[in-house]
Amino acid sequence: MLITITTPNLSSADKQLLIATLKQAPYACVVFVGDGVYAPALNTAFFEQLSNTVKDTVTDTVTDTVKGAVKDKSTPNLSFVSTDAATRGANLPEFINPISYKELAAISAKNKHWIPLL
């Protein structure tokens, strides 16, 4: 599942949708595009908490069957389009990964379900 965020201001309903979606589908991709690159700066505490919550969910459910050890999965797929952030002078937290438009196209092609937050 791909969730694109194109607005800097997230409603409480948007935040609830993100929490519910990432708890049920921890490998869903969230990508900040256009003016959406400002959203993490305006909602830093929310995205940090979301990242930690989903990271814990993934760590609890994914195990290495060969060694019986827990695999290290980094943050949920929280990404931003790097050229959009650079153009807008947005500073994003380190736990959100920069991607290119080409990578966004690849992510889009891999996901059948898209949810745009406008």
PDB file of N, CA and C in Angstrom:
ATOM      1  N   MET A   1       0.848  -1.163   0.000  1.00  0.00           N
ATOM      2  CA  MET A   1       0.000   0.000   0.000  1.00  0.00           C
ATOM      3  C   MET A   1       0.902   1.237   0.000  1.00  0.00           C
ATOM      4  N   LEU A   2       0.509   2.223  -0.767  1.00  0.00           N
ATOM      5  CA  LEU A   2       1.245   3.481  -0.854  1.00  0.00           C
ATOM      6  C   LEU A   2       0.356   4.614  -0.366  1.00  0.00           C
ATOM      7  N   ILE A   3       0.861   5.383   0.596  1.00  0.00           N
ATOM      8  CA  ILE A   3       0.165   6.571   1.073  1.00  0.00           C
ATOM      9  C   ILE A   3       1.034   7.762   0.703  1.00  0.00           C
ATOM     10  N   THR A   4       0.484   8.658  -0.113  1.00  0.00           N
ATOM     11  CA  THR A   4       1.219   9.870  -0.464  1.00  0.00           C
ATOM     12  C   THR A   4       0.630  11.044   0.310  1.00  0.00           C
ATOM     13  N   ILE A   5       1.513  11.863   0.846  1.00  0.00           N
ATOM     14  CA  ILE A   5       1.095  13.041   1.603  1.00  0.00           C
ATOM     15  C   ILE A   5       1.570  14.265   0.842  1.00  0.00           C
ATOM     16  N   THR A   6       0.601  15.070   0.371  1.00  0.00           N
ATOM     17  CA  THR A   6       0.938  16.248  -0.430  1.00  0.00           C
ATOM     18  C   THR A   6       0.580  17.552   0.272  1.00  0.00           C
ATOM     19  N   THR A   7       0.159  17.453   1.520  1.00  0.00           N
ATOM     20  CA  THR A   7      -0.210  18.643   2.274  1.00  0.00           C
ATOM     21  C   THR A   7       0.638  18.729   3.544  1.00  0.00           C
ATOM     22  N   PRO A   8       1.015  19.932   3.949  1.00  0.00           N
ATOM     23  CA  PRO A   8       1.797  20.045   5.181  1.00  0.00           C
ATOM     24  C   PRO A   8       0.950  19.892   6.440  1.00  0.00           C
ATOM     25  N   ASN A   9      -0.345  20.105   6.317  1.00  0.00           N
ATOM     26  CA  ASN A   9      -1.241  20.072   7.479  1.00  0.00           C
ATOM     27  C   ASN A   9      -2.061  18.792   7.477  1.00  0.00           C
ATOM     28  N   LEU A  10      -1.875  17.992   8.515  1.00  0.00           N
ATOM     29  CA  LEU A  10      -2.617  16.741   8.618  1.00  0.00           C
ATOM     30  C   LEU A  10      -3.731  16.888   9.641  1.00  0.00           C
ATOM     31  N   SER A  11      -4.904  16.431   9.270  1.00  0.00           N
ATOM     32  CA  SER A  11      -6.039  16.457  10.198  1.00  0.00           C
ATOM     33  C   SER A  11      -5.910  15.300  11.185  1.00  0.00           C
ATOM     34  N   SER A  12      -6.721  15.308  12.211  1.00  0.00           N
ATOM     35  CA  SER A  12      -6.702  14.190  13.169  1.00  0.00           C
ATOM     36  C   SER A  12      -7.150  12.907  12.472  1.00  0.00           C
ATOM     37  N   ALA A  13      -8.051  13.022  11.509  1.00  0.00           N
ATOM     38  CA  ALA A  13      -8.492  11.843  10.746  1.00  0.00           C
ATOM     39  C   ALA A  13      -7.339  11.273   9.915  1.00  0.00           C
ATOM     40  N   ASP A  14      -6.526  12.159   9.326  1.00  0.00           N
ATOM     41  CA  ASP A  14      -5.354  11.713   8.561  1.00  0.00           C
ATOM     42  C   ASP A  14      -4.388  10.950   9.467  1.00  0.00           C
ATOM     43  N   LYS A  15      -4.156  11.491  10.650  1.00  0.00           N
ATOM     44  CA  LYS A  15      -3.236  10.848  11.593  1.00  0.00           C
ATOM     45  C   LYS A  15      -3.773   9.501  12.053  1.00  0.00           C
ATOM     46  N   GLN A  16      -5.072   9.428  12.311  1.00  0.00           N
ATOM     47  CA  GLN A  16      -5.675   8.164  12.717  1.00  0.00           C
ATOM     48  C   GLN A  16      -5.579   7.127  11.606  1.00  0.00           C
ATOM     49  N   LEU A  17      -5.769   7.575  10.360  1.00  0.00           N
ATOM     50  CA  LEU A  17      -5.644   6.672   9.215  1.00  0.00           C
ATOM     51  C   LEU A  17      -4.223   6.130   9.120  1.00  0.00           C
ATOM     52  N   LEU A  18      -3.226   6.992   9.282  1.00  0.00           N
ATOM     53  CA  LEU A  18      -1.832   6.553   9.216  1.00  0.00           C
ATOM     54  C   LEU A  18      -1.524   5.532  10.311  1.00  0.00           C
ATOM     55  N   ILE A  19      -1.956   5.814  11.530  1.00  0.00           N
ATOM     56  CA  ILE A  19      -1.715   4.893  12.645  1.00  0.00           C
ATOM     57  C   ILE A  19      -2.365   3.542  12.372  1.00  0.00           C
ATOM     58  N   ALA A  20      -3.640   3.549  12.022  1.00  0.00           N
ATOM     59  CA  ALA A  20      -4.370   2.304  11.787  1.00  0.00           C
ATOM     60  C   ALA A  20      -3.776   1.518  10.620  1.00  0.00           C
ATOM     61  N   THR A  21      -3.443   2.206   9.548  1.00  0.00           N
ATOM     62  CA  THR A  21      -2.904   1.529   8.366  1.00  0.00           C
ATOM     63  C   THR A  21      -1.561   0.894   8.665  1.00  0.00           C
ATOM     64  N   LEU A  22      -0.664   1.650   9.302  1.00  0.00           N
ATOM     65  CA  LEU A  22       0.675   1.117   9.551  1.00  0.00           C
ATOM     66  C   LEU A  22       0.705   0.054  10.639  1.00  0.00           C
ATOM     67  N   LYS A  23      -0.279   0.035  11.512  1.00  0.00           N
ATOM     68  CA  LYS A  23      -0.358  -1.058  12.486  1.00  0.00           C
ATOM     69  C   LYS A  23      -0.827  -2.339  11.802  1.00  0.00           C
ATOM     70  N   GLN A  24      -1.747  -2.213  10.847  1.00  0.00           N
ATOM     71  CA  GLN A  24      -2.274  -3.384  10.147  1.00  0.00           C
ATOM     72  C   GLN A  24      -1.371  -3.818   8.993  1.00  0.00           C
ATOM     73  N   ALA A  25      -0.714  -2.863   8.365  1.00  0.00           N
ATOM     74  CA  ALA A  25       0.163  -3.151   7.221  1.00  0.00           C
ATOM     75  C   ALA A  25       1.483  -2.421   7.434  1.00  0.00           C
ATOM     76  N   PRO A  26       2.335  -2.944   8.340  1.00  0.00           N
ATOM     77  CA  PRO A  26       3.551  -2.225   8.706  1.00  0.00           C
ATOM     78  C   PRO A  26       4.542  -2.009   7.560  1.00  0.00           C
ATOM     79  N   TYR A  27       4.349  -2.694   6.443  1.00  0.00           N
ATOM     80  CA  TYR A  27       5.253  -2.495   5.317  1.00  0.00           C
ATOM     81  C   TYR A  27       4.682  -1.536   4.277  1.00  0.00           C
ATOM     82  N   ALA A  28       3.594  -0.873   4.604  1.00  0.00           N
ATOM     83  CA  ALA A  28       3.037   0.143   3.708  1.00  0.00           C
ATOM     84  C   ALA A  28       4.055   1.281   3.565  1.00  0.00           C
ATOM     85  N   CYS A  29       4.028   1.934   2.438  1.00  0.00           N
ATOM     86  CA  CYS A  29       4.960   3.035   2.172  1.00  0.00           C
ATOM     87  C   CYS A  29       4.233   4.366   2.335  1.00  0.00           C
ATOM     88  N   VAL A  30       4.868   5.284   3.053  1.00  0.00           N
ATOM     89  CA  VAL A  30       4.348   6.638   3.195  1.00  0.00           C
ATOM     90  C   VAL A  30       5.376   7.558   2.563  1.00  0.00           C
ATOM     91  N   VAL A  31       4.942   8.336   1.561  1.00  0.00           N
ATOM     92  CA  VAL A  31       5.868   9.217   0.858  1.00  0.00           C
ATOM     93  C   VAL A  31       5.346  10.650   0.903  1.00  0.00           C
ATOM     94  N   PHE A  32       6.216  11.558   1.328  1.00  0.00           N
ATOM     95  CA  PHE A  32       5.901  12.988   1.381  1.00  0.00           C
ATOM     96  C   PHE A  32       6.328  13.607   0.053  1.00  0.00           C
ATOM     97  N   VAL A  33       5.356  14.209  -0.637  1.00  0.00           N
ATOM     98  CA  VAL A  33       5.574  14.746  -1.977  1.00  0.00           C
ATOM     99  C   VAL A  33       5.127  16.204  -2.024  1.00  0.00           C
ATOM    100  N   GLY A  34       5.797  17.024  -2.824  1.00  0.00           N
ATOM    101  CA  GLY A  34       5.403  18.420  -2.978  1.00  0.00           C
ATOM    102  C   GLY A  34       5.430  19.140  -1.647  1.00  0.00           C
ATOM    103  N   ASP A  35       4.386  19.909  -1.367  1.00  0.00           N
ATOM    104  CA  ASP A  35       4.305  20.632  -0.094  1.00  0.00           C
ATOM    105  C   ASP A  35       4.188  19.687   1.101  1.00  0.00           C
ATOM    106  N   GLY A  36       3.911  18.426   0.850  1.00  0.00           N
ATOM    107  CA  GLY A  36       3.840  17.436   1.914  1.00  0.00           C
ATOM    108  C   GLY A  36       5.163  17.235   2.647  1.00  0.00           C
ATOM    109  N   VAL A  37       6.280  17.680   2.033  1.00  0.00           N
ATOM    110  CA  VAL A  37       7.573  17.538   2.706  1.00  0.00           C
ATOM    111  C   VAL A  37       7.652  18.389   3.974  1.00  0.00           C
ATOM    112  N   TYR A  38       6.753  19.348   4.118  1.00  0.00           N
ATOM    113  CA  TYR A  38       6.722  20.151   5.345  1.00  0.00           C
ATOM    114  C   TYR A  38       6.002  19.428   6.496  1.00  0.00           C
ATOM    115  N   ALA A  39       5.198  18.417   6.193  1.00  0.00           N
ATOM    116  CA  ALA A  39       4.394  17.735   7.214  1.00  0.00           C
ATOM    117  C   ALA A  39       5.230  17.167   8.363  1.00  0.00           C
ATOM    118  N   PRO A  40       6.357  16.500   8.090  1.00  0.00           N
ATOM    119  CA  PRO A  40       7.137  15.971   9.220  1.00  0.00           C
ATOM    120  C   PRO A  40       7.677  17.063  10.153  1.00  0.00           C
ATOM    121  N   ALA A  41       8.022  18.214   9.611  1.00  0.00           N
ATOM    122  CA  ALA A  41       8.524  19.307  10.450  1.00  0.00           C
ATOM    123  C   ALA A  41       7.398  19.890  11.304  1.00  0.00           C
ATOM    124  N   LEU A  42       6.200  19.940  10.747  1.00  0.00           N
ATOM    125  CA  LEU A  42       5.064  20.492  11.488  1.00  0.00           C
ATOM    126  C   LEU A  42       4.465  19.481  12.468  1.00  0.00           C
ATOM    127  N   ASN A  43       4.770  18.212  12.269  1.00  0.00           N
ATOM    128  CA  ASN A  43       4.205  17.138  13.097  1.00  0.00           C
ATOM    129  C   ASN A  43       5.306  16.182  13.564  1.00  0.00           C
ATOM    130  N   THR A  44       6.445  16.722  13.976  1.00  0.00           N
ATOM    131  CA  THR A  44       7.610  15.905  14.307  1.00  0.00           C
ATOM    132  C   THR A  44       7.305  14.852  15.362  1.00  0.00           C
ATOM    133  N   ALA A  45       6.687  15.248  16.443  1.00  0.00           N
ATOM    134  CA  ALA A  45       6.407  14.294  17.529  1.00  0.00           C
ATOM    135  C   ALA A  45       5.509  13.158  17.043  1.00  0.00           C
ATOM    136  N   PHE A  46       4.501  13.486  16.231  1.00  0.00           N
ATOM    137  CA  PHE A  46       3.594  12.462  15.717  1.00  0.00           C
ATOM    138  C   PHE A  46       4.350  11.444  14.870  1.00  0.00           C
ATOM    139  N   PHE A  47       5.177  11.926  13.914  1.00  0.00           N
ATOM    140  CA  PHE A  47       5.870  11.002  13.017  1.00  0.00           C
ATOM    141  C   PHE A  47       6.955  10.213  13.736  1.00  0.00           C
ATOM    142  N   GLU A  48       7.573  10.790  14.744  1.00  0.00           N
ATOM    143  CA  GLU A  48       8.557  10.053  15.528  1.00  0.00           C
ATOM    144  C   GLU A  48       7.869   8.930  16.306  1.00  0.00           C
ATOM    145  N   GLN A  49       6.734   9.244  16.911  1.00  0.00           N
ATOM    146  CA  GLN A  49       5.967   8.235  17.641  1.00  0.00           C
ATOM    147  C   GLN A  49       5.456   7.160  16.686  1.00  0.00           C
ATOM    148  N   LEU A  50       4.960   7.572  15.524  1.00  0.00           N
ATOM    149  CA  LEU A  50       4.468   6.622  14.524  1.00  0.00           C
ATOM    150  C   LEU A  50       5.592   5.693  14.081  1.00  0.00           C
ATOM    151  N   SER A  51       6.743   6.257  13.829  1.00  0.00           N
ATOM    152  CA  SER A  51       7.899   5.471  13.410  1.00  0.00           C
ATOM    153  C   SER A  51       8.267   4.438  14.465  1.00  0.00           C
ATOM    154  N   ASN A  52       8.322   4.852  15.718  1.00  0.00           N
ATOM    155  CA  ASN A  52       8.680   3.937  16.804  1.00  0.00           C
ATOM    156  C   ASN A  52       7.627   2.868  17.021  1.00  0.00           C
ATOM    157  N   THR A  53       6.356   3.231  16.939  1.00  0.00           N
ATOM    158  CA  THR A  53       5.268   2.281  17.124  1.00  0.00           C
ATOM    159  C   THR A  53       5.308   1.197  16.065  1.00  0.00           C
ATOM    160  N   VAL A  54       5.467   1.604  14.821  1.00  0.00           N
ATOM    161  CA  VAL A  54       5.467   0.634  13.733  1.00  0.00           C
ATOM    162  C   VAL A  54       6.754  -0.180  13.750  1.00  0.00           C
ATOM    163  N   LYS A  55       7.850   0.435  14.100  1.00  0.00           N
ATOM    164  CA  LYS A  55       9.119  -0.286  14.196  1.00  0.00           C
ATOM    165  C   LYS A  55       9.003  -1.406  15.231  1.00  0.00           C
ATOM    166  N   ASP A  56       8.373  -1.112  16.359  1.00  0.00           N
ATOM    167  CA  ASP A  56       8.164  -2.123  17.394  1.00  0.00           C
ATOM    168  C   ASP A  56       7.253  -3.240  16.893  1.00  0.00           C
ATOM    169  N   THR A  57       6.210  -2.897  16.154  1.00  0.00           N
ATOM    170  CA  THR A  57       5.290  -3.893  15.605  1.00  0.00           C
ATOM    171  C   THR A  57       6.022  -4.820  14.652  1.00  0.00           C
ATOM    172  N   VAL A  58       6.849  -4.251  13.784  1.00  0.00           N
ATOM    173  CA  VAL A  58       7.602  -5.053  12.820  1.00  0.00           C
ATOM    174  C   VAL A  58       8.599  -5.946  13.541  1.00  0.00           C
ATOM    175  N   THR A  59       9.304  -5.397  14.504  1.00  0.00           N
ATOM    176  CA  THR A  59      10.296  -6.172  15.243  1.00  0.00           C
ATOM    177  C   THR A  59       9.640  -7.331  15.981  1.00  0.00           C
ATOM    178  N   ASP A  60       8.457  -7.119  16.521  1.00  0.00           N
ATOM    179  CA  ASP A  60       7.757  -8.167  17.250  1.00  0.00           C
ATOM    180  C   ASP A  60       7.245  -9.287  16.347  1.00  0.00           C
ATOM    181  N   THR A  61       6.995  -8.990  15.080  1.00  0.00           N
ATOM    182  CA  THR A  61       6.350  -9.989  14.224  1.00  0.00           C
ATOM    183  C   THR A  61       7.265 -10.636  13.197  1.00  0.00           C
ATOM    184  N   VAL A  62       8.420 -10.051  12.938  1.00  0.00           N
ATOM    185  CA  VAL A  62       9.302 -10.602  11.906  1.00  0.00           C
ATOM    186  C   VAL A  62      10.475 -11.308  12.578  1.00  0.00           C
ATOM    187  N   THR A  63      10.615 -12.594  12.315  1.00  0.00           N
ATOM    188  CA  THR A  63      11.742 -13.328  12.880  1.00  0.00           C
ATOM    189  C   THR A  63      12.523 -14.002  11.775  1.00  0.00           C
ATOM    190  N   ASP A  64      13.771 -14.229  12.051  1.00  0.00           N
ATOM    191  CA  ASP A  64      14.645 -14.918  11.119  1.00  0.00           C
ATOM    192  C   ASP A  64      14.485 -16.417  11.359  1.00  0.00           C
ATOM    193  N   THR A  65      13.937 -17.130  10.400  1.00  0.00           N
ATOM    194  CA  THR A  65      13.651 -18.549  10.608  1.00  0.00           C
ATOM    195  C   THR A  65      14.920 -19.386  10.652  1.00  0.00           C
ATOM    196  N   VAL A  66      15.985 -18.913  10.055  1.00  0.00           N
ATOM    197  CA  VAL A  66      17.220 -19.689  10.049  1.00  0.00           C
ATOM    198  C   VAL A  66      17.878 -19.672  11.424  1.00  0.00           C
ATOM    199  N   LYS A  67      17.987 -18.508  12.022  1.00  0.00           N
ATOM    200  CA  LYS A  67      18.697 -18.374  13.289  1.00  0.00           C
ATOM    201  C   LYS A  67      17.764 -18.176  14.473  1.00  0.00           C
ATOM    202  N   GLY A  68      16.479 -17.950  14.220  1.00  0.00           N
ATOM    203  CA  GLY A  68      15.542 -17.705  15.296  1.00  0.00           C
ATOM    204  C   GLY A  68      15.717 -16.343  15.935  1.00  0.00           C
ATOM    205  N   ALA A  69      16.456 -15.468  15.279  1.00  0.00           N
ATOM    206  CA  ALA A  69      16.702 -14.124  15.820  1.00  0.00           C
ATOM    207  C   ALA A  69      15.781 -13.128  15.141  1.00  0.00           C
ATOM    208  N   VAL A  70      15.553 -12.040  15.827  1.00  0.00           N
ATOM    209  CA  VAL A  70      14.711 -10.990  15.272  1.00  0.00           C
ATOM    210  C   VAL A  70      15.508 -10.224  14.227  1.00  0.00           C
ATOM    211  N   LYS A  71      14.916 -10.052  13.056  1.00  0.00           N
ATOM    212  CA  LYS A  71      15.557  -9.258  12.010  1.00  0.00           C
ATOM    213  C   LYS A  71      15.450  -7.784  12.354  1.00  0.00           C
ATOM    214  N   ASP A  72      16.443  -7.036  11.977  1.00  0.00           N
ATOM    215  CA  ASP A  72      16.412  -5.594  12.206  1.00  0.00           C
ATOM    216  C   ASP A  72      15.750  -4.929  11.018  1.00  0.00           C
ATOM    217  N   LYS A  73      14.555  -4.469  11.214  1.00  0.00           N
ATOM    218  CA  LYS A  73      13.864  -3.708  10.180  1.00  0.00           C
ATOM    219  C   LYS A  73      13.921  -2.260  10.609  1.00  0.00           C
ATOM    220  N   SER A  74      14.367  -1.400   9.704  1.00  0.00           N
ATOM    221  CA  SER A  74      14.452   0.008  10.063  1.00  0.00           C
ATOM    222  C   SER A  74      13.062   0.595  10.116  1.00  0.00           C
ATOM    223  N   THR A  75      12.982   1.896  10.094  1.00  0.00           N
ATOM    224  CA  THR A  75      11.706   2.568  10.220  1.00  0.00           C
ATOM    225  C   THR A  75      10.737   2.076   9.165  1.00  0.00           C
ATOM    226  N   PRO A  76       9.451   2.245   9.425  1.00  0.00           N
ATOM    227  CA  PRO A  76       8.514   1.895   8.370  1.00  0.00           C
ATOM    228  C   PRO A  76       8.892   2.720   7.154  1.00  0.00           C
ATOM    229  N   ASN A  77       8.369   2.392   6.052  1.00  0.00           N
ATOM    230  CA  ASN A  77       8.766   3.057   4.827  1.00  0.00           C
ATOM    231  C   ASN A  77       8.285   4.499   4.785  1.00  0.00           C
ATOM    232  N   LEU A  78       8.905   5.335   5.592  1.00  0.00           N
ATOM    233  CA  LEU A  78       8.637   6.777   5.573  1.00  0.00           C
ATOM    234  C   LEU A  78       9.698   7.417   4.700  1.00  0.00           C
ATOM    235  N   SER A  79       9.264   8.025   3.605  1.00  0.00           N
ATOM    236  CA  SER A  79      10.198   8.611   2.652  1.00  0.00           C
ATOM    237  C   SER A  79       9.702   9.963   2.186  1.00  0.00           C
ATOM    238  N   PHE A  80      10.630  10.742   1.626  1.00  0.00           N
ATOM    239  CA  PHE A  80      10.271  12.018   1.013  1.00  0.00           C
ATOM    240  C   PHE A  80      11.013  12.152  -0.296  1.00  0.00           C
ATOM    241  N   VAL A  81      10.417  12.882  -1.227  1.00  0.00           N
ATOM    242  CA  VAL A  81      11.082  13.120  -2.506  1.00  0.00           C
ATOM    243  C   VAL A  81      12.128  14.205  -2.266  1.00  0.00           C
ATOM    244  N   SER A  82      13.390  13.824  -2.436  1.00  0.00           N
ATOM    245  CA  SER A  82      14.497  14.704  -2.072  1.00  0.00           C
ATOM    246  C   SER A  82      14.520  16.012  -2.856  1.00  0.00           C
ATOM    247  N   THR A  83      14.147  15.972  -4.128  1.00  0.00           N
ATOM    248  CA  THR A  83      14.154  17.223  -4.907  1.00  0.00           C
ATOM    249  C   THR A  83      13.066  18.175  -4.433  1.00  0.00           C
ATOM    250  N   ASP A  84      11.939  17.641  -3.979  1.00  0.00           N
ATOM    251  CA  ASP A  84      10.873  18.499  -3.436  1.00  0.00           C
ATOM    252  C   ASP A  84      11.335  19.171  -2.146  1.00  0.00           C
ATOM    253  N   ALA A  85      12.024  18.415  -1.301  1.00  0.00           N
ATOM    254  CA  ALA A  85      12.521  18.979  -0.041  1.00  0.00           C
ATOM    255  C   ALA A  85      13.595  20.032  -0.314  1.00  0.00           C
ATOM    256  N   ALA A  86      14.484  19.747  -1.244  1.00  0.00           N
ATOM    257  CA  ALA A  86      15.561  20.693  -1.562  1.00  0.00           C
ATOM    258  C   ALA A  86      15.003  21.980  -2.160  1.00  0.00           C
ATOM    259  N   THR A  87      14.044  21.850  -3.053  1.00  0.00           N
ATOM    260  CA  THR A  87      13.434  23.014  -3.688  1.00  0.00           C
ATOM    261  C   THR A  87      12.755  23.913  -2.659  1.00  0.00           C
ATOM    262  N   ARG A  88      12.153  23.290  -1.656  1.00  0.00           N
ATOM    263  CA  ARG A  88      11.402  24.036  -0.645  1.00  0.00           C
ATOM    264  C   ARG A  88      12.238  24.383   0.589  1.00  0.00           C
ATOM    265  N   GLY A  89      13.462  23.914   0.644  1.00  0.00           N
ATOM    266  CA  GLY A  89      14.309  24.186   1.794  1.00  0.00           C
ATOM    267  C   GLY A  89      13.815  23.511   3.067  1.00  0.00           C
ATOM    268  N   ALA A  90      13.136  22.395   2.918  1.00  0.00           N
ATOM    269  CA  ALA A  90      12.577  21.677   4.075  1.00  0.00           C
ATOM    270  C   ALA A  90      13.638  20.783   4.701  1.00  0.00           C
ATOM    271  N   ASN A  91      13.721  20.819   6.008  1.00  0.00           N
ATOM    272  CA  ASN A  91      14.610  19.934   6.761  1.00  0.00           C
ATOM    273  C   ASN A  91      13.767  18.823   7.357  1.00  0.00           C
ATOM    274  N   LEU A  92      14.103  17.601   7.001  1.00  0.00           N
ATOM    275  CA  LEU A  92      13.331  16.465   7.487  1.00  0.00           C
ATOM    276  C   LEU A  92      14.142  15.657   8.484  1.00  0.00           C
ATOM    277  N   PRO A  93      13.450  15.011   9.416  1.00  0.00           N
ATOM    278  CA  PRO A  93      14.141  14.184  10.416  1.00  0.00           C
ATOM    279  C   PRO A  93      14.927  13.059   9.752  1.00  0.00           C
ATOM    280  N   GLU A  94      15.977  12.608  10.420  1.00  0.00           N
ATOM    281  CA  GLU A  94      16.843  11.569   9.868  1.00  0.00           C
ATOM    282  C   GLU A  94      16.153  10.225   9.687  1.00  0.00           C
ATOM    283  N   PHE A  95      15.085   9.981  10.432  1.00  0.00           N
ATOM    284  CA  PHE A  95      14.423   8.685  10.322  1.00  0.00           C
ATOM    285  C   PHE A  95      13.511   8.593   9.094  1.00  0.00           C
ATOM    286  N   ILE A  96      13.413   9.680   8.326  1.00  0.00           N
ATOM    287  CA  ILE A  96      12.634   9.658   7.086  1.00  0.00           C
ATOM    288  C   ILE A  96      13.630   9.639   5.917  1.00  0.00           C
ATOM    289  N   ASN A  97      13.448   8.689   5.037  1.00  0.00           N
ATOM    290  CA  ASN A  97      14.424   8.415   3.982  1.00  0.00           C
ATOM    291  C   ASN A  97      14.188   9.247   2.724  1.00  0.00           C
ATOM    292  N   PRO A  98      15.251   9.818   2.154  1.00  0.00           N
ATOM    293  CA  PRO A  98      15.109  10.538   0.884  1.00  0.00           C
ATOM    294  C   PRO A  98      15.033   9.554  -0.288  1.00  0.00           C
ATOM    295  N   ILE A  99      14.163   9.860  -1.254  1.00  0.00           N
ATOM    296  CA  ILE A  99      14.071   9.061  -2.475  1.00  0.00           C
ATOM    297  C   ILE A  99      13.959  10.009  -3.664  1.00  0.00           C
ATOM    298  N   SER A 100      14.180   9.477  -4.839  1.00  0.00           N
ATOM    299  CA  SER A 100      14.045  10.258  -6.077  1.00  0.00           C
ATOM    300  C   SER A 100      12.659   9.996  -6.678  1.00  0.00           C
ATOM    301  N   TYR A 101      12.326  10.778  -7.707  1.00  0.00           N
ATOM    302  CA  TYR A 101      11.053  10.525  -8.400  1.00  0.00           C
ATOM    303  C   TYR A 101      11.070   9.160  -9.084  1.00  0.00           C
ATOM    304  N   LYS A 102      12.235   8.731  -9.535  1.00  0.00           N
ATOM    305  CA  LYS A 102      12.348   7.415 -10.158  1.00  0.00           C
ATOM    306  C   LYS A 102      12.019   6.327  -9.130  1.00  0.00           C
ATOM    307  N   GLU A 103      12.516   6.482  -7.911  1.00  0.00           N
ATOM    308  CA  GLU A 103      12.208   5.520  -6.858  1.00  0.00           C
ATOM    309  C   GLU A 103      10.729   5.571  -6.479  1.00  0.00           C
ATOM    310  N   LEU A 104      10.148   6.773  -6.476  1.00  0.00           N
ATOM    311  CA  LEU A 104       8.716   6.902  -6.217  1.00  0.00           C
ATOM    312  C   LEU A 104       7.913   6.173  -7.292  1.00  0.00           C
ATOM    313  N   ALA A 105       8.342   6.279  -8.539  1.00  0.00           N
ATOM    314  CA  ALA A 105       7.654   5.576  -9.626  1.00  0.00           C
ATOM    315  C   ALA A 105       7.732   4.059  -9.422  1.00  0.00           C
ATOM    316  N   ALA A 106       8.881   3.575  -8.972  1.00  0.00           N
ATOM    317  CA  ALA A 106       9.038   2.139  -8.720  1.00  0.00           C
ATOM    318  C   ALA A 106       8.144   1.688  -7.568  1.00  0.00           C
ATOM    319  N   ILE A 107       8.086   2.494  -6.510  1.00  0.00           N
ATOM    320  CA  ILE A 107       7.214   2.176  -5.375  1.00  0.00           C
ATOM    321  C   ILE A 107       5.760   2.174  -5.829  1.00  0.00           C
ATOM    322  N   SER A 108       5.397   3.155  -6.643  1.00  0.00           N
ATOM    323  CA  SER A 108       4.023   3.252  -7.153  1.00  0.00           C
ATOM    324  C   SER A 108       3.652   2.024  -7.978  1.00  0.00           C
ATOM    325  N   ALA A 109       4.590   1.564  -8.801  1.00  0.00           N
ATOM    326  CA  ALA A 109       4.326   0.404  -9.652  1.00  0.00           C
ATOM    327  C   ALA A 109       4.155  -0.875  -8.826  1.00  0.00           C
ATOM    328  N   LYS A 110       4.823  -0.961  -7.671  1.00  0.00           N
ATOM    329  CA  LYS A 110       4.756  -2.158  -6.833  1.00  0.00           C
ATOM    330  C   LYS A 110       3.486  -2.229  -5.987  1.00  0.00           C
ATOM    331  N   ASN A 111       2.817  -1.117  -5.810  1.00  0.00           N
ATOM    332  CA  ASN A 111       1.660  -1.078  -4.916  1.00  0.00           C
ATOM    333  C   ASN A 111       0.360  -0.919  -5.687  1.00  0.00           C
ATOM    334  N   LYS A 112      -0.575  -1.846  -5.433  1.00  0.00           N
ATOM    335  CA  LYS A 112      -1.878  -1.780  -6.084  1.00  0.00           C
ATOM    336  C   LYS A 112      -2.789  -0.748  -5.421  1.00  0.00           C
ATOM    337  N   HIS A 113      -2.629  -0.567  -4.120  1.00  0.00           N
ATOM    338  CA  HIS A 113      -3.522   0.305  -3.361  1.00  0.00           C
ATOM    339  C   HIS A 113      -2.810   1.607  -3.001  1.00  0.00           C
ATOM    340  N   TRP A 114      -3.419   2.723  -3.375  1.00  0.00           N
ATOM    341  CA  TRP A 114      -2.874   4.048  -3.087  1.00  0.00           C
ATOM    342  C   TRP A 114      -3.882   4.844  -2.283  1.00  0.00           C
ATOM    343  N   ILE A 115      -3.376   5.585  -1.324  1.00  0.00           N
ATOM    344  CA  ILE A 115      -4.215   6.506  -0.569  1.00  0.00           C
ATOM    345  C   ILE A 115      -3.520   7.869  -0.584  1.00  0.00           C
ATOM    346  N   PRO A 116      -4.090   8.846  -1.272  1.00  0.00           N
ATOM    347  CA  PRO A 116      -3.502  10.186  -1.250  1.00  0.00           C
ATOM    348  C   PRO A 116      -4.094  11.023  -0.099  1.00  0.00           C
ATOM    349  N   LEU A 117      -3.237  11.658   0.671  1.00  0.00           N
ATOM    350  CA  LEU A 117      -3.694  12.614   1.690  1.00  0.00           C
ATOM    351  C   LEU A 117      -3.399  13.986   1.136  1.00  0.00           C
ATOM    352  N   LEU A 118      -4.444  14.680   0.736  1.00  0.00           N
ATOM    353  CA  LEU A 118      -4.292  15.965   0.067  1.00  0.00           C
ATOM    354  C   LEU A 118      -4.461  17.124   1.015  1.00  0.00           C
TER     355      LEU A 118
END
